[in-house]
C-alpha cells in the first residue's frame, strides 16, 4: 500500500522518543533486552507448527496459535466494499491441530481502535481499513474491536511483555498493520478472475475450480466458505517464522477440512443489483422494480424453499391463508398495505396497522423484496402450527435468514 511507510509520529511515539532521550530506558535494569525494532531480541526464527514446542520464548515463536489465517469476505447482499475486491475479515491464530483460543485477555478489549491508530500516527492505515475492512452492518469500529479482542489478544508474540520499549496499545497497531499487509498480498478477486471465475447473475462454478485458482495465487491449499451456496469467505493459511510483527509468513495447507461449499453449483454474486432486462414487453416498464400488479401475497423462503407467507399484521405464518397486500408506487419504489393498514419496519420489526404514518419504501431485486438494498430478512425461529414469527430487518442475534417474494393474485 503506497503511503503506509509515510507516517507522521503520533502522541505515543513522541512520548516514547522523549522518554528515551531522558535516559529512562535504564529503569528497566536487568529486565532490559536488546532492541530489534522495538521488540525483544530473538535467536534464529523457528517456523510455527513445523517446529514442535519445547519451551521456546513465545515472544519469538507463535504458540499455541501457530497457524495464522488471513480471512476475507465477499458480501453481495448487502454489497460491502469495492465491486472488484474482497474485504478483510481478520487475522486468526489457530492451533496447529485446528483448534483455537479466543478472548485471551479481557484487559485488552478495546472499543476505540480507530482512535488508537490515529494516536499512533497511523491515519493512513485507518483510511485503508475504512475501504477494505468493512462490517456488513455498517459498524466497522465494532468489527475492529471484535477481531482484536477475540483473535489479536491470543497471538503470543503480540503480548505487551514482548516489547522492550512498550507504549500502550502498541500491539493493536501491529495487529492491524500486519492484517492489512497480508491482505494486500492476497488479491482474491484477481486470483479468481485469472481463472475465468468472475461475479455473475447466471453462471455457477465448481468448488475444485475455485480452490485451484486460489491455490495458484496463494501457493498452498485454501479454505473456501459458502453462504446458501454462494461464495462468501476465503481463509488463507500460514505458518510464521519468528514473531508476527517481523516474521516471514509461509503459505501452508489448512489445519483441517473446513469448506462447507457444495462441489458444484456455487454462485459468485455481483455486489450490485442486476441491470434491468433489455427484452421488450407488452407491459409498461417499471424503473423502480416494484411488483407489476397492485395485489399479491408475500411468500417467505428459507434455504430456497417456500416456508409460508406474511399475514396481514406483518408476521410470518406457515399455516392458513396468505394475506393479500396492495402496493402503492412511490418515486423510488413502493409501499405495502394490508387490510390492517400500511406496513413499516418500526424498531427493526415489520408490522402493518392503522397507526403507521410513514410506510417503509421497498424495491425488488432479482424478484425478491428489498429494504435499503437488502433482500435478506431475519427471524428468531420458524413458525409452526398456530405460532407466528416476527420479521426483522437486521440480523442482530436473529439466527433465521429468509427472503420474501411477491406473488401476484
Protein backbone atom coordinates (compact mmCIF):
# COMPACT_ATOMS: atom_id res chain seq x y z
CA UNK A 1 0.00 0.00 0.00
CA UNK A 2 1.55 3.25 -1.09
CA UNK A 3 1.90 5.72 1.74
CA UNK A 4 1.91 3.10 4.50
CA UNK A 5 5.53 3.89 5.23
CA UNK A 6 4.95 7.64 5.14
CA UNK A 7 3.73 8.17 8.67
CA UNK A 8 3.53 11.13 10.95
CA UNK A 9 4.54 10.38 14.54
CA UNK A 10 1.60 10.19 16.91
CA UNK A 11 1.47 11.23 20.56
CA UNK A 12 2.55 7.78 21.72
CA UNK A 13 5.69 7.80 19.58
CA UNK A 14 6.56 11.34 20.65
CA UNK A 15 6.26 10.39 24.32
CA UNK A 16 8.34 7.31 23.68
CA UNK A 17 11.08 9.32 21.99
CA UNK A 18 11.17 11.88 24.82
CA UNK A 19 11.37 9.14 27.41
CA UNK A 20 14.29 7.57 25.59
CA UNK A 21 16.13 10.88 25.27
CA UNK A 22 15.95 11.32 29.03
CA UNK A 23 17.72 8.04 29.56
CA UNK A 24 14.75 6.40 31.24
CA UNK A 25 15.20 3.12 29.41
CA UNK A 26 17.76 2.20 32.02
CA UNK A 27 15.00 1.98 34.61
CA UNK A 28 14.24 -1.47 33.23
CA UNK A 29 17.51 -2.69 34.79
CA UNK A 30 18.19 -6.40 34.39
CA UNK A 31 14.91 -6.92 32.53
CA UNK A 32 16.15 -4.88 29.56
CA UNK A 33 16.76 -6.94 26.41
CA UNK A 34 18.44 -5.73 23.19
CA UNK A 35 16.14 -3.95 20.76
CA UNK A 36 15.02 -5.37 17.43
CA UNK A 37 12.88 -2.56 16.01
CA UNK A 38 11.40 -2.10 19.48
CA UNK A 39 10.86 -5.81 20.16
CA UNK A 40 12.80 -8.23 22.32
CA UNK A 41 15.81 -9.93 20.74
CA UNK A 42 15.19 -13.35 19.19
CA UNK A 43 17.52 -16.12 18.03
CA UNK A 44 17.17 -17.69 14.60
CA UNK A 45 13.42 -17.70 13.78
CA UNK A 46 11.62 -21.05 14.00
CA UNK A 47 8.63 -21.87 11.80
CA UNK A 48 5.47 -22.29 13.82
CA UNK A 49 3.64 -25.63 13.58
CA UNK A 50 6.60 -27.09 11.66
CA UNK A 51 8.73 -26.89 14.79
CA UNK A 52 7.47 -28.62 17.92
CA UNK A 53 7.09 -26.51 21.04
CA UNK A 54 9.80 -27.30 23.57
CA UNK A 55 9.66 -24.29 25.84
CA UNK A 56 10.66 -21.67 23.26
CA UNK A 57 10.20 -18.00 24.07
CA UNK A 58 6.64 -17.30 22.90
CA UNK A 59 7.63 -13.71 22.21
CA UNK A 60 9.68 -15.13 19.33
CA UNK A 61 7.70 -18.28 18.50
CA UNK A 62 3.94 -18.14 17.90
CA UNK A 63 2.43 -20.69 20.27
CA UNK A 64 -0.11 -22.15 20.81
CA UNK A 65 -1.68 -20.20 17.94
CA UNK A 66 0.88 -21.14 15.30
CA UNK A 67 -1.25 -21.28 12.16
CA UNK A 68 -2.34 -17.79 11.06
CA UNK A 69 -5.48 -17.45 8.98
CA UNK A 70 -5.96 -14.32 6.88
CA UNK A 71 -9.70 -14.34 6.28
CA UNK A 72 -11.64 -12.42 3.64
CA UNK A 73 -15.31 -11.70 2.93
CA UNK A 74 -17.34 -11.36 -0.25
CA UNK A 75 -20.60 -9.63 0.74
CA UNK A 76 -23.04 -9.05 -2.13
CA UNK A 77 -26.27 -8.62 -0.16
CA UNK A 78 -25.81 -6.06 1.23
CA UNK A 79 -22.93 -5.04 -1.01
CA UNK A 80 -19.85 -4.24 1.07
CA UNK A 81 -16.58 -2.77 -0.18
CA UNK A 82 -15.33 -2.19 -3.74
CA UNK A 83 -17.06 -4.10 -6.55
CA UNK A 84 -13.77 -5.68 -7.63
CA UNK A 85 -12.25 -6.60 -4.29
CA UNK A 86 -12.87 -8.90 -1.38
CA UNK A 87 -12.76 -7.33 2.08
CA UNK A 88 -10.87 -8.14 5.26
CA UNK A 89 -12.41 -10.30 7.95
CA UNK A 90 -9.39 -10.66 10.21
CA UNK A 91 -6.17 -12.47 11.16
CA UNK A 92 -6.71 -15.52 13.36
CA UNK A 93 -4.20 -17.63 15.32
CA UNK A 94 -5.35 -21.25 15.09
CA UNK A 95 -3.66 -24.08 16.92
CA UNK A 96 -1.68 -26.39 14.67
CA UNK A 97 -4.35 -29.08 15.05
CA UNK A 98 -7.23 -26.80 14.03
CA UNK A 99 -8.37 -25.75 17.50
CA UNK A 100 -8.17 -22.17 18.68
CA UNK A 101 -8.32 -19.89 21.69
CA UNK A 102 -10.38 -16.72 21.85
CA UNK A 103 -10.72 -13.60 24.00
CA UNK A 104 -7.44 -14.33 25.74
CA UNK A 105 -7.02 -11.06 27.66
CA UNK A 106 -10.13 -9.18 28.75
CA UNK A 107 -7.97 -6.30 29.98
CA UNK A 108 -7.18 -5.56 26.33
CA UNK A 109 -10.75 -5.44 25.00
CA UNK A 110 -10.52 -2.03 23.35
CA UNK A 111 -13.53 -0.30 21.80
CA UNK A 112 -11.61 2.66 20.37
CA UNK A 113 -9.43 1.05 17.71
CA UNK A 114 -9.71 3.97 15.28
CA UNK A 115 -8.53 6.42 17.94
CA UNK A 116 -5.65 4.11 18.88
CA UNK A 117 -4.47 4.04 15.24
CA UNK A 118 -4.76 7.81 14.85
CA UNK A 119 -2.91 8.44 18.12
CA UNK A 120 -0.15 6.15 16.89
CA UNK A 121 0.25 8.24 13.75
CA UNK A 122 -1.35 5.59 11.56
CA UNK A 123 -4.18 7.53 9.99
CA UNK A 124 -3.02 6.06 6.67
CA UNK A 125 -3.72 2.56 7.95
CA UNK A 126 -7.15 3.57 9.21
CA UNK A 127 -8.03 5.16 5.87
CA UNK A 128 -7.26 1.89 4.11
CA UNK A 129 -9.28 -0.10 6.63
CA UNK A 130 -12.29 2.17 6.09
CA UNK A 131 -12.39 0.98 2.49
CA UNK A 132 -11.35 -2.67 2.78
CA UNK A 133 -12.03 -3.73 6.40
CA UNK A 134 -15.80 -3.42 6.44
CA UNK A 135 -18.64 -4.62 8.64
CA UNK A 136 -21.73 -5.73 6.72
CA UNK A 137 -23.97 -3.99 9.26
CA UNK A 138 -22.07 -0.73 8.83
CA UNK A 139 -20.41 -0.79 12.27
CA UNK A 140 -16.74 -1.00 11.28
CA UNK A 141 -15.49 0.04 14.71
CA UNK A 142 -17.34 -2.87 16.31
CA UNK A 143 -15.72 -5.30 13.84
CA UNK A 144 -12.24 -3.93 14.59
CA UNK A 145 -12.79 -4.29 18.33
CA UNK A 146 -14.19 -7.79 17.96
CA UNK A 147 -11.32 -9.03 15.79
CA UNK A 148 -8.62 -7.77 18.11
CA UNK A 149 -10.35 -8.85 21.32
CA UNK A 150 -11.20 -12.32 20.03
CA UNK A 151 -8.10 -13.07 17.97
CA UNK A 152 -5.40 -10.43 18.44
CA UNK A 153 -5.16 -11.00 22.19
CA UNK A 154 -4.40 -14.69 21.54
CA UNK A 155 -1.28 -14.10 19.43
CA UNK A 156 1.60 -14.81 21.76
CA UNK A 157 4.14 -12.55 20.04
CA UNK A 158 1.79 -9.58 20.50
CA UNK A 159 1.86 -9.84 24.28
CA UNK A 160 2.92 -6.44 25.72
CA UNK A 161 5.74 -8.15 27.62
CA UNK A 162 7.36 -8.89 24.23
CA UNK A 163 8.12 -5.20 23.63
CA UNK A 164 11.32 -3.73 25.04
CA UNK A 165 10.01 -0.18 24.91
CA UNK A 166 6.25 -0.69 25.04
CA UNK A 167 3.76 2.12 24.77
CA UNK A 168 0.06 1.41 25.47
CA UNK A 169 -1.81 -0.41 22.69
CA UNK A 170 1.30 -0.73 20.52
CA UNK A 171 0.35 -4.34 19.77
CA UNK A 172 -3.03 -3.17 18.47
CA UNK A 173 -1.31 -1.15 15.77
CA UNK A 174 0.96 -4.08 14.92
CA UNK A 175 -2.01 -6.45 14.64
CA UNK A 176 -3.95 -4.32 12.17
CA UNK A 177 -0.83 -3.33 10.25
CA UNK A 178 0.08 -6.99 9.68
CA UNK A 179 -3.52 -7.93 8.87
CA UNK A 180 -3.65 -5.30 6.12
CA UNK A 181 -0.13 -6.13 4.91
CA UNK A 182 -1.00 -9.82 4.40
CA UNK A 183 -4.37 -8.96 2.84
CA UNK A 184 -2.63 -6.84 0.23
CA UNK A 185 -0.59 -9.85 -0.91
CA UNK A 186 -3.78 -11.86 -1.50
CA UNK A 187 -5.93 -10.20 -4.21
CA UNK A 188 -8.61 -12.87 -4.25
CA UNK A 189 -10.69 -11.16 -6.93
CA UNK A 190 -7.68 -11.21 -9.28
CA UNK A 191 -6.80 -14.83 -8.42
CA UNK A 192 -10.31 -15.93 -9.39
CA UNK A 193 -10.62 -13.62 -12.40
CA UNK A 194 -7.42 -15.05 -13.87
CA UNK A 195 -9.13 -18.46 -13.94
CA UNK A 196 -12.29 -17.07 -15.53
CA UNK A 197 -14.21 -17.05 -12.25
CA UNK A 198 -15.99 -13.71 -12.05
CA UNK A 199 -19.16 -12.49 -10.31
CA UNK A 200 -22.23 -13.43 -12.34
CA UNK A 201 -26.01 -13.49 -12.01
CA UNK A 202 -26.28 -16.60 -14.15
CA UNK A 203 -23.08 -18.67 -14.04
CA UNK A 204 -22.12 -21.09 -11.30
CA UNK A 205 -18.75 -22.64 -10.52
CA UNK A 206 -17.32 -25.84 -9.06
CA UNK A 207 -15.53 -25.94 -5.73
CA UNK A 208 -12.50 -27.61 -7.34
CA UNK A 209 -12.08 -24.78 -9.87
CA UNK A 210 -12.35 -22.13 -7.17
CA UNK A 211 -9.89 -23.90 -4.88
CA UNK A 212 -7.41 -24.47 -7.72
CA UNK A 213 -7.49 -20.78 -8.73
CA UNK A 214 -6.87 -19.63 -5.16
CA UNK A 215 -4.16 -22.23 -4.58
CA UNK A 216 -2.37 -21.00 -7.69
CA UNK A 217 -2.34 -17.47 -6.26
CA UNK A 218 -1.57 -18.38 -2.65
CA UNK A 219 0.90 -21.21 -3.11
CA UNK A 220 -0.99 -23.62 -0.85
CA UNK A 221 -4.47 -25.02 -0.37
CA UNK A 222 -7.11 -22.65 0.99
CA UNK A 223 -10.42 -22.96 2.81
CA UNK A 224 -13.47 -21.76 0.88
CA UNK A 225 -16.73 -20.99 2.69
CA UNK A 226 -20.23 -20.54 1.26
CA UNK A 227 -23.45 -18.99 2.48
CA UNK A 228 -26.51 -20.66 0.96
CA UNK A 229 -24.44 -21.99 -1.98
CA UNK A 230 -22.95 -18.54 -2.63
CA UNK A 231 -19.22 -17.90 -2.32
CA UNK A 232 -18.79 -15.85 0.84
CA UNK A 233 -15.44 -16.32 2.56
CA UNK A 234 -11.83 -17.42 1.96
CA UNK A 235 -9.34 -18.48 4.61
CA UNK A 236 -5.63 -18.33 3.70
CA UNK A 237 -3.38 -20.34 5.99
CA UNK A 238 0.19 -19.52 7.04
CA UNK A 239 2.89 -20.66 9.40
CA UNK A 240 5.15 -17.88 10.70
CA UNK A 241 8.91 -17.95 11.10
CA UNK A 242 9.54 -15.63 14.03
CA UNK A 243 7.26 -13.07 15.60
CA UNK A 244 4.10 -11.86 13.87
CA UNK A 245 5.35 -8.28 13.57
CA UNK A 246 8.55 -9.01 11.61
CA UNK A 247 8.49 -12.72 10.80
CA UNK A 248 8.08 -14.49 7.47
CA UNK A 249 4.57 -15.71 6.62
CA UNK A 250 4.90 -19.08 4.86
CA UNK A 251 1.82 -20.41 2.99
CA UNK A 252 0.63 -23.76 4.31
CA UNK A 253 -2.30 -26.12 3.91
CA UNK A 254 -5.41 -25.81 6.13
CA UNK A 255 -5.21 -27.31 9.60
CA UNK A 256 -8.33 -29.37 8.93
CA UNK A 257 -11.20 -29.73 6.42
CA UNK A 258 -13.39 -26.67 6.83
CA UNK A 259 -15.08 -25.92 3.49
CA UNK A 260 -18.87 -26.02 3.68
CA UNK A 261 -19.47 -25.36 -0.04
CA UNK A 262 -21.16 -27.81 -2.40
CA UNK A 263 -18.97 -29.46 -5.02
CA UNK A 264 -20.84 -27.78 -7.87
CA UNK A 265 -23.37 -25.01 -8.47
CA UNK A 266 -21.60 -22.35 -6.40
CA UNK A 267 -22.81 -18.81 -7.03
CA UNK A 268 -20.43 -15.84 -7.04
CA UNK A 269 -22.87 -12.96 -6.92
CA UNK A 270 -22.03 -9.44 -8.13
CA UNK A 271 -22.03 -6.75 -5.47
CA UNK A 272 -24.51 -4.58 -7.35
CA UNK A 273 -28.07 -5.12 -8.47
CA UNK A 274 -28.78 -6.86 -11.75
CA UNK A 275 -29.39 -4.31 -14.51
CA UNK A 276 -32.92 -4.15 -15.97
CA UNK A 277 -33.64 -6.69 -18.69
CA UNK A 278 -33.33 -5.38 -22.23
CA UNK A 279 -36.09 -7.67 -23.51
CA UNK A 280 -39.25 -5.99 -24.71
CA UNK A 281 -42.60 -6.50 -23.06
CA UNK A 282 -46.16 -5.51 -23.81
CA UNK A 283 -46.50 -4.11 -20.29
CA UNK A 284 -45.08 -0.70 -19.34
CA UNK A 285 -41.53 -0.68 -17.97
CA UNK A 286 -41.13 -0.20 -14.23
CA UNK A 287 -37.82 1.50 -13.35
CA UNK A 288 -38.30 1.06 -9.60
CA UNK A 289 -38.63 -2.71 -9.82
CA UNK A 290 -41.93 -2.76 -7.94
CA UNK A 291 -44.40 -5.65 -8.41
CA UNK A 292 -46.19 -5.44 -11.74
CA UNK A 293 -49.65 -5.65 -10.19
CA UNK A 294 -51.15 -3.89 -7.23
CA UNK A 295 -52.30 -7.00 -5.36
CA UNK A 296 -50.36 -10.03 -4.21
CA UNK A 297 -49.06 -12.32 -1.49
CA UNK A 298 -45.70 -12.07 0.30
CA UNK A 299 -44.21 -15.56 0.10
CA UNK A 300 -41.43 -16.46 2.55
CA UNK A 301 -38.44 -18.60 1.53
CA UNK A 302 -35.67 -20.11 3.64
CA UNK A 303 -32.88 -22.21 2.16
CA UNK A 304 -34.51 -21.68 -1.26
CA UNK A 305 -37.70 -23.43 -0.14
CA UNK A 306 -41.12 -21.84 0.32
CA UNK A 307 -41.96 -21.73 4.04
CA UNK A 308 -45.25 -19.90 4.45
CA UNK A 309 -46.04 -16.23 3.95
CA UNK A 310 -46.54 -12.88 5.63
CA UNK A 311 -50.03 -12.36 7.07
CA UNK A 312 -51.97 -9.13 7.42
CA UNK A 313 -50.35 -7.81 10.61
CA UNK A 314 -46.87 -8.39 9.22
CA UNK A 315 -45.81 -11.62 10.93
CA UNK A 316 -44.51 -14.80 9.29
CA UNK A 317 -47.04 -17.64 9.32
CA UNK A 318 -46.76 -21.16 7.88
CA UNK A 319 -50.34 -22.36 8.33
CA UNK A 320 -53.61 -20.98 6.98
CA UNK A 321 -54.32 -18.46 4.25
CA UNK A 322 -51.82 -15.86 2.98
CA UNK A 323 -52.88 -12.23 3.33
CA UNK A 324 -53.42 -10.06 0.28
CA UNK A 325 -51.29 -6.92 0.12
CA UNK A 326 -51.58 -3.86 -2.09
CA UNK A 327 -48.65 -1.90 -3.45
CA UNK A 328 -48.56 1.88 -3.70
CA UNK A 329 -45.92 3.26 -6.04
CA UNK A 330 -43.57 5.99 -4.87
CA UNK A 331 -40.86 7.91 -6.71
CA UNK A 332 -38.18 5.44 -5.59
CA UNK A 333 -40.05 2.17 -5.07
CA UNK A 334 -43.33 1.12 -3.49
CA UNK A 335 -45.01 0.74 -0.12
CA UNK A 336 -47.09 -2.18 1.14
CA UNK A 337 -50.53 -2.19 2.71
CA UNK A 338 -52.70 -4.98 4.13
CA UNK A 339 -56.28 -4.86 5.37
CA UNK A 340 -54.91 -3.79 8.75
CA UNK A 341 -53.12 -0.73 7.37
CA UNK A 342 -49.82 0.45 5.94
CA UNK A 343 -46.65 -1.55 6.60
CA UNK A 344 -43.32 -0.41 8.02
CA UNK A 345 -40.26 -1.52 9.93
CA UNK A 346 -40.58 0.00 13.39
CA UNK A 347 -37.77 -0.67 15.86
CA UNK A 348 -36.46 -3.21 13.32
CA UNK A 349 -39.74 -5.23 13.31
CA UNK A 350 -42.04 -5.49 10.30
CA UNK A 351 -45.67 -4.69 11.09
CA UNK A 352 -48.83 -3.50 9.35
CA UNK A 353 -51.51 -1.50 11.16
CA UNK A 354 -53.55 1.70 11.02
CA UNK A 355 -51.08 3.54 13.27
CA UNK A 356 -48.32 3.53 10.62
CA UNK A 357 -47.88 7.11 9.39
CA UNK A 358 -44.63 6.66 7.43
CA UNK A 359 -44.77 3.42 5.41
CA UNK A 360 -41.46 1.81 4.54
CA UNK A 361 -40.38 2.08 0.90
CA UNK A 362 -39.37 -1.21 -0.73
CA UNK A 363 -37.91 -2.25 -4.09
CA UNK A 364 -37.33 -5.64 -5.67
CA UNK A 365 -34.00 -7.22 -6.60
CA UNK A 366 -33.99 -10.41 -8.67
CA UNK A 367 -37.66 -10.93 -7.79
CA UNK A 368 -37.11 -10.53 -4.05
CA UNK A 369 -38.50 -7.77 -1.84
CA UNK A 370 -35.64 -5.47 -0.82
CA UNK A 371 -35.32 -2.94 2.01
CA UNK A 372 -32.42 -0.48 1.88
CA UNK A 373 -30.92 -2.64 -0.87
CA UNK A 374 -31.03 -5.83 1.22
CA UNK A 375 -33.10 -8.88 0.26
CA UNK A 376 -32.29 -10.87 3.39
CA UNK A 377 -34.54 -10.60 6.44
CA UNK A 378 -34.37 -12.40 9.78
CA UNK A 379 -36.43 -14.20 12.42
CA UNK A 380 -35.78 -15.80 15.79
CA UNK A 381 -37.46 -19.08 14.82
CA UNK A 382 -39.53 -20.60 12.04
CA UNK A 383 -43.30 -20.58 12.68
CA UNK A 384 -45.08 -23.86 13.30
CA UNK A 385 -48.79 -24.55 13.61
CA UNK A 386 -50.54 -21.53 15.18
CA UNK A 387 -47.23 -19.92 16.14
CA UNK A 388 -46.24 -16.79 14.23
CA UNK A 389 -42.78 -15.24 13.98
CA UNK A 390 -41.72 -11.62 13.84
CA UNK A 391 -39.67 -10.49 10.84
CA UNK A 392 -36.63 -8.29 11.49
CA UNK A 393 -34.68 -6.05 9.13
CA UNK A 394 -31.28 -6.76 10.72
CA UNK A 395 -29.72 -9.97 11.96
CA UNK A 396 -28.86 -8.78 15.46
CA UNK A 397 -28.89 -12.21 17.15
CA UNK A 398 -31.79 -13.41 14.97
CA UNK A 399 -30.47 -16.73 13.57
CA UNK A 400 -33.06 -17.49 10.84
CA UNK A 401 -32.44 -15.91 7.42
CA UNK A 402 -35.30 -15.54 4.97
CA UNK A 403 -36.28 -13.83 1.76
CA UNK A 404 -39.68 -12.54 0.67
CA UNK A 405 -41.04 -12.78 -2.87
CA UNK A 406 -44.09 -11.15 -4.41
CA UNK A 407 -46.78 -13.46 -5.85
CA UNK A 408 -49.40 -11.78 -7.97
CA UNK A 409 -53.09 -12.53 -7.33
